[in-house]
Protein backbone atom coordinates (compact mmCIF):
# COMPACT_ATOMS: atom_id res chain seq x y z
CA MET A 1 4.11 80.79 -65.45
CA TYR A 2 3.97 79.88 -61.71
CA THR A 3 5.41 82.94 -59.53
CA LEU A 4 6.87 81.70 -56.38
CA LEU A 5 4.24 82.06 -54.71
CA ASP A 6 2.64 79.23 -56.04
CA TYR A 7 5.56 76.43 -55.53
CA ILE A 8 5.49 77.75 -52.18
CA VAL A 9 2.06 77.08 -51.28
CA ALA A 10 2.29 73.51 -53.72
CA PHE A 11 5.42 72.92 -51.53
CA PHE A 12 3.41 73.15 -47.81
CA ILE A 13 -0.11 70.73 -49.74
CA SER A 14 2.48 68.04 -50.26
CA LEU A 15 3.79 68.65 -46.81
CA THR A 16 0.73 68.68 -45.16
CA MET A 17 -0.73 65.78 -47.11
CA ALA A 18 1.93 63.70 -46.81
CA ILE A 19 1.97 64.87 -42.73
CA VAL A 20 -1.58 63.92 -42.63
CA ILE A 21 -1.81 60.18 -44.18
CA THR A 22 1.23 58.90 -42.84
CA PRO A 23 -0.72 57.24 -39.79
CA SER A 24 -3.26 56.31 -42.48
CA VAL A 25 -0.90 54.41 -44.16
CA ILE A 26 0.72 52.94 -41.47
CA LYS A 27 -2.79 51.51 -39.87
CA PHE A 28 -3.10 50.21 -43.54
CA ALA A 29 0.13 48.58 -43.98
CA HIS A 30 -0.45 46.61 -40.38
CA LYS A 31 -3.84 45.91 -41.03
CA TYR A 32 -3.12 44.44 -44.80
CA ASN A 33 0.17 42.72 -43.60
CA PHE A 34 2.27 44.97 -45.73
CA ILE A 35 5.06 45.03 -42.83
CA ASP A 36 8.58 43.84 -42.97
CA ILE A 37 9.26 41.77 -40.15
CA PRO A 38 13.02 42.05 -38.70
CA ASN A 39 15.78 39.08 -38.99
CA ASN A 40 19.25 38.94 -37.98
CA ARG A 41 19.53 40.72 -41.11
CA LYS A 42 17.62 43.87 -40.45
CA VAL A 43 18.43 46.81 -38.10
CA HIS A 44 15.48 47.60 -36.55
CA ASN A 45 13.88 46.12 -34.12
CA GLY A 46 9.79 45.78 -34.82
CA SER A 47 8.07 45.71 -38.40
CA MET A 48 7.63 48.46 -40.26
CA PRO A 49 5.48 49.15 -43.00
CA ARG A 50 6.49 48.81 -46.51
CA ILE A 51 4.48 50.80 -48.54
CA GLY A 52 5.63 54.63 -46.72
CA GLY A 53 6.90 56.09 -50.06
CA LEU A 54 2.76 55.60 -50.50
CA SER A 55 2.05 59.00 -48.32
CA ILE A 56 5.24 60.50 -49.89
CA VAL A 57 3.82 59.59 -53.27
CA ILE A 58 0.42 60.68 -52.36
CA GLY A 59 1.92 64.27 -50.57
CA ALA A 60 3.95 64.94 -54.01
CA ALA A 61 0.53 64.28 -56.29
CA SER A 62 -1.51 66.78 -54.08
CA GLY A 63 1.27 69.76 -54.95
CA LEU A 64 1.24 68.97 -58.25
CA LEU A 65 -2.50 68.97 -58.89
CA TYR A 66 -2.57 72.13 -57.29
CA LEU A 67 -0.17 72.97 -60.05
CA ASN A 68 -2.44 71.92 -62.60
CA GLN A 69 -0.77 72.93 -65.95
CA LEU A 70 2.58 70.90 -64.13
CA ILE A 71 0.71 67.44 -63.74
CA ILE A 72 0.14 67.27 -67.35
CA GLN A 73 3.32 67.51 -67.97
CA ILE A 74 4.95 65.38 -65.69
CA TRP A 75 1.86 62.69 -65.51
CA PRO A 76 4.19 60.40 -67.68
CA VAL A 77 6.98 60.34 -64.98
CA ILE A 78 4.68 59.67 -62.69
CA VAL A 79 2.82 56.83 -64.07
CA GLY A 80 6.20 55.51 -65.24
CA VAL A 81 8.08 55.23 -61.60
CA GLU A 82 4.42 53.86 -60.04
CA LEU A 83 4.73 51.29 -62.81
CA SER A 84 8.53 50.06 -62.16
CA TYR A 85 7.89 50.45 -58.65
CA TRP A 86 5.01 47.99 -58.90
CA SER A 87 6.04 46.24 -61.18
CA VAL A 88 9.22 45.03 -58.68
């Protein structure tokens, strides 16, 4: 089983990866036009990336990869979430 230190390390790996990869995801969204253009129904003023959750998923997956055994038990949930997200 994992100790509290393992979970803390996994959390900081996830946090660091999400923070580090977010600017790249924003650039990718603007380059390939995955952005939301504001109109009269939107509350934001500028264009917003629509794939911001991708950096969160990558960060969470990196933390789970650190906890090697946990990823084996939870991978069906991750795949199901990703499939339901991309099928919409």
